[in-house]
N, C-alpha and C. Protein backbone atom coordinates (compact mmCIF):
# COMPACT_ATOMS: atom_id res chain seq x y z
N MET A 1 99.61 25.62 -56.96
CA MET A 1 99.62 25.72 -58.40
C MET A 1 100.99 26.17 -58.88
N ASP A 2 101.48 25.58 -59.93
CA ASP A 2 102.80 25.89 -60.49
C ASP A 2 102.67 27.02 -61.51
N GLU A 3 103.35 28.13 -61.24
CA GLU A 3 103.29 29.27 -62.15
C GLU A 3 104.19 29.04 -63.36
N ARG A 4 103.69 29.36 -64.53
CA ARG A 4 104.46 29.19 -65.76
C ARG A 4 105.57 30.21 -65.88
N VAL A 5 105.28 31.48 -65.55
CA VAL A 5 106.26 32.56 -65.67
C VAL A 5 106.79 32.93 -64.29
N VAL A 6 108.10 32.85 -64.14
CA VAL A 6 108.76 33.26 -62.90
C VAL A 6 109.09 34.74 -63.04
N LYS A 7 108.55 35.56 -62.14
CA LYS A 7 108.79 37.00 -62.19
C LYS A 7 110.14 37.35 -61.58
N THR A 8 110.80 38.33 -62.16
CA THR A 8 112.08 38.82 -61.65
C THR A 8 112.23 40.29 -62.04
N ASP A 9 113.27 40.91 -61.58
CA ASP A 9 113.52 42.32 -61.92
C ASP A 9 115.03 42.55 -61.84
N LYS A 10 115.72 42.28 -62.96
CA LYS A 10 117.18 42.42 -63.01
C LYS A 10 117.57 43.17 -64.27
N LEU A 11 118.72 43.85 -64.19
CA LEU A 11 119.23 44.59 -65.34
C LEU A 11 120.32 43.79 -66.04
N TYR A 12 120.25 43.77 -67.37
CA TYR A 12 121.24 43.09 -68.20
C TYR A 12 121.63 44.02 -69.33
N ARG A 13 122.81 43.78 -69.90
CA ARG A 13 123.31 44.55 -71.03
C ARG A 13 123.34 43.63 -72.24
N ASP A 14 122.74 44.07 -73.36
CA ASP A 14 122.77 43.25 -74.57
C ASP A 14 124.10 43.42 -75.31
N ARG A 15 124.27 42.74 -76.41
CA ARG A 15 125.57 42.77 -77.11
C ARG A 15 125.87 44.11 -77.75
N ARG A 16 124.88 45.00 -77.85
CA ARG A 16 125.10 46.35 -78.37
C ARG A 16 125.35 47.36 -77.26
N GLY A 17 125.29 46.88 -76.00
CA GLY A 17 125.55 47.75 -74.86
C GLY A 17 124.32 48.40 -74.27
N ILE A 18 123.14 48.06 -74.78
CA ILE A 18 121.89 48.63 -74.27
C ILE A 18 121.45 47.86 -73.03
N ILE A 19 121.09 48.59 -71.98
CA ILE A 19 120.64 47.95 -70.75
C ILE A 19 119.14 47.66 -70.85
N VAL A 20 118.77 46.42 -70.56
CA VAL A 20 117.37 45.98 -70.58
C VAL A 20 116.99 45.50 -69.19
N ARG A 21 115.70 45.51 -68.90
CA ARG A 21 115.19 45.04 -67.60
C ARG A 21 114.48 43.70 -67.81
N VAL A 22 115.03 42.64 -67.23
CA VAL A 22 114.41 41.32 -67.31
C VAL A 22 113.25 41.28 -66.32
N THR A 23 112.07 40.92 -66.83
CA THR A 23 110.87 40.89 -65.98
C THR A 23 110.38 39.48 -65.69
N GLY A 24 110.86 38.48 -66.44
CA GLY A 24 110.40 37.12 -66.17
C GLY A 24 111.06 36.07 -67.02
N TYR A 25 110.76 34.81 -66.65
CA TYR A 25 111.26 33.64 -67.37
C TYR A 25 110.11 32.66 -67.54
N ASP A 26 109.80 32.30 -68.77
CA ASP A 26 108.73 31.35 -69.05
C ASP A 26 109.32 29.94 -68.98
N ARG A 27 108.96 29.19 -67.95
CA ARG A 27 109.55 27.87 -67.73
C ARG A 27 109.10 26.85 -68.76
N GLN A 28 107.92 27.03 -69.33
CA GLN A 28 107.43 26.07 -70.31
C GLN A 28 108.16 26.19 -71.64
N THR A 29 108.32 27.42 -72.13
CA THR A 29 108.97 27.63 -73.42
C THR A 29 110.46 27.92 -73.30
N ARG A 30 110.93 28.18 -72.06
CA ARG A 30 112.33 28.51 -71.78
C ARG A 30 112.74 29.81 -72.49
N TRP A 31 111.88 30.82 -72.40
CA TRP A 31 112.15 32.13 -72.99
C TRP A 31 112.31 33.15 -71.88
N ILE A 32 113.24 34.10 -72.08
CA ILE A 32 113.46 35.21 -71.17
C ILE A 32 112.61 36.38 -71.65
N ILE A 33 111.89 37.02 -70.74
CA ILE A 33 111.01 38.15 -71.05
C ILE A 33 111.66 39.42 -70.50
N PHE A 34 111.76 40.46 -71.33
CA PHE A 34 112.43 41.68 -70.89
C PHE A 34 111.84 42.90 -71.57
N MET A 35 112.18 44.06 -71.01
CA MET A 35 111.74 45.35 -71.56
C MET A 35 112.95 46.15 -72.03
N ARG A 36 112.82 46.75 -73.19
CA ARG A 36 113.85 47.64 -73.72
C ARG A 36 113.46 49.09 -73.40
N PRO A 37 114.44 49.94 -73.12
CA PRO A 37 114.12 51.35 -72.84
C PRO A 37 113.46 52.02 -74.05
N GLY A 38 112.39 52.76 -73.78
CA GLY A 38 111.71 53.49 -74.85
C GLY A 38 110.79 52.63 -75.71
N TYR A 39 110.60 51.36 -75.35
CA TYR A 39 109.75 50.45 -76.11
C TYR A 39 108.65 49.95 -75.19
N SER A 40 107.40 50.11 -75.57
CA SER A 40 106.29 49.84 -74.66
C SER A 40 105.84 48.38 -74.59
N HIS A 41 106.40 47.52 -75.43
CA HIS A 41 105.99 46.11 -75.44
C HIS A 41 107.09 45.21 -74.88
N GLU A 42 106.68 44.09 -74.30
CA GLU A 42 107.66 43.12 -73.81
C GLU A 42 108.37 42.45 -74.98
N CYS A 43 109.63 42.15 -74.79
CA CYS A 43 110.43 41.41 -75.76
C CYS A 43 110.74 40.05 -75.15
N CYS A 44 111.04 39.07 -75.99
CA CYS A 44 111.45 37.79 -75.44
C CYS A 44 112.38 37.08 -76.43
N VAL A 45 113.28 36.30 -75.85
CA VAL A 45 114.22 35.51 -76.64
C VAL A 45 114.41 34.17 -75.94
N PRO A 46 114.84 33.14 -76.67
CA PRO A 46 115.12 31.85 -76.04
C PRO A 46 116.25 31.98 -75.00
N LYS A 47 116.21 31.14 -73.99
CA LYS A 47 117.19 31.20 -72.92
C LYS A 47 118.62 31.04 -73.45
N TRP A 48 118.85 30.13 -74.41
CA TRP A 48 120.20 29.90 -74.93
C TRP A 48 120.75 31.18 -75.58
N TYR A 49 119.88 31.92 -76.28
CA TYR A 49 120.30 33.16 -76.93
C TYR A 49 120.63 34.22 -75.88
N PHE A 50 119.77 34.32 -74.87
CA PHE A 50 119.98 35.30 -73.82
C PHE A 50 121.30 35.04 -73.09
N GLU A 51 121.57 33.79 -72.76
CA GLU A 51 122.81 33.45 -72.05
C GLU A 51 124.05 33.75 -72.89
N LYS A 52 123.92 33.67 -74.20
CA LYS A 52 125.06 33.93 -75.09
C LYS A 52 125.32 35.42 -75.30
N TYR A 53 124.27 36.24 -75.39
CA TYR A 53 124.43 37.62 -75.82
C TYR A 53 124.12 38.69 -74.77
N PHE A 54 123.69 38.31 -73.58
CA PHE A 54 123.38 39.29 -72.54
C PHE A 54 124.23 39.02 -71.31
N ARG A 55 124.62 40.09 -70.61
CA ARG A 55 125.42 39.99 -69.38
C ARG A 55 124.74 40.81 -68.29
N GLU A 56 124.68 40.25 -67.09
CA GLU A 56 124.06 40.97 -65.97
C GLU A 56 124.88 42.21 -65.65
N VAL A 57 124.21 43.32 -65.44
CA VAL A 57 124.88 44.58 -65.11
C VAL A 57 125.58 44.40 -63.77
N GLY A 58 126.86 44.78 -63.73
CA GLY A 58 127.65 44.62 -62.51
C GLY A 58 128.42 43.32 -62.47
N LYS A 59 128.11 42.40 -63.39
CA LYS A 59 128.82 41.11 -63.42
C LYS A 59 129.46 40.84 -64.78
N GLU A 60 129.63 41.90 -65.58
CA GLU A 60 130.28 41.73 -66.88
C GLU A 60 131.73 41.36 -66.69
N GLY A 61 132.25 40.61 -67.66
CA GLY A 61 133.67 40.34 -67.57
C GLY A 61 134.08 39.00 -68.02
């Protein structure tokens, strides 16, 4: 069976400098799913937006 959401666990920094934890990628809608510190609900944004405004921690530059 093909899973719709690919699970992951990576840290990224948003354009404001806040570190978020990416928990998955929805292959059907092409949205990145992540958690913000101090916020109890999952957040999600389109992949194009995430690639433009987020950088993997340790690989900025």
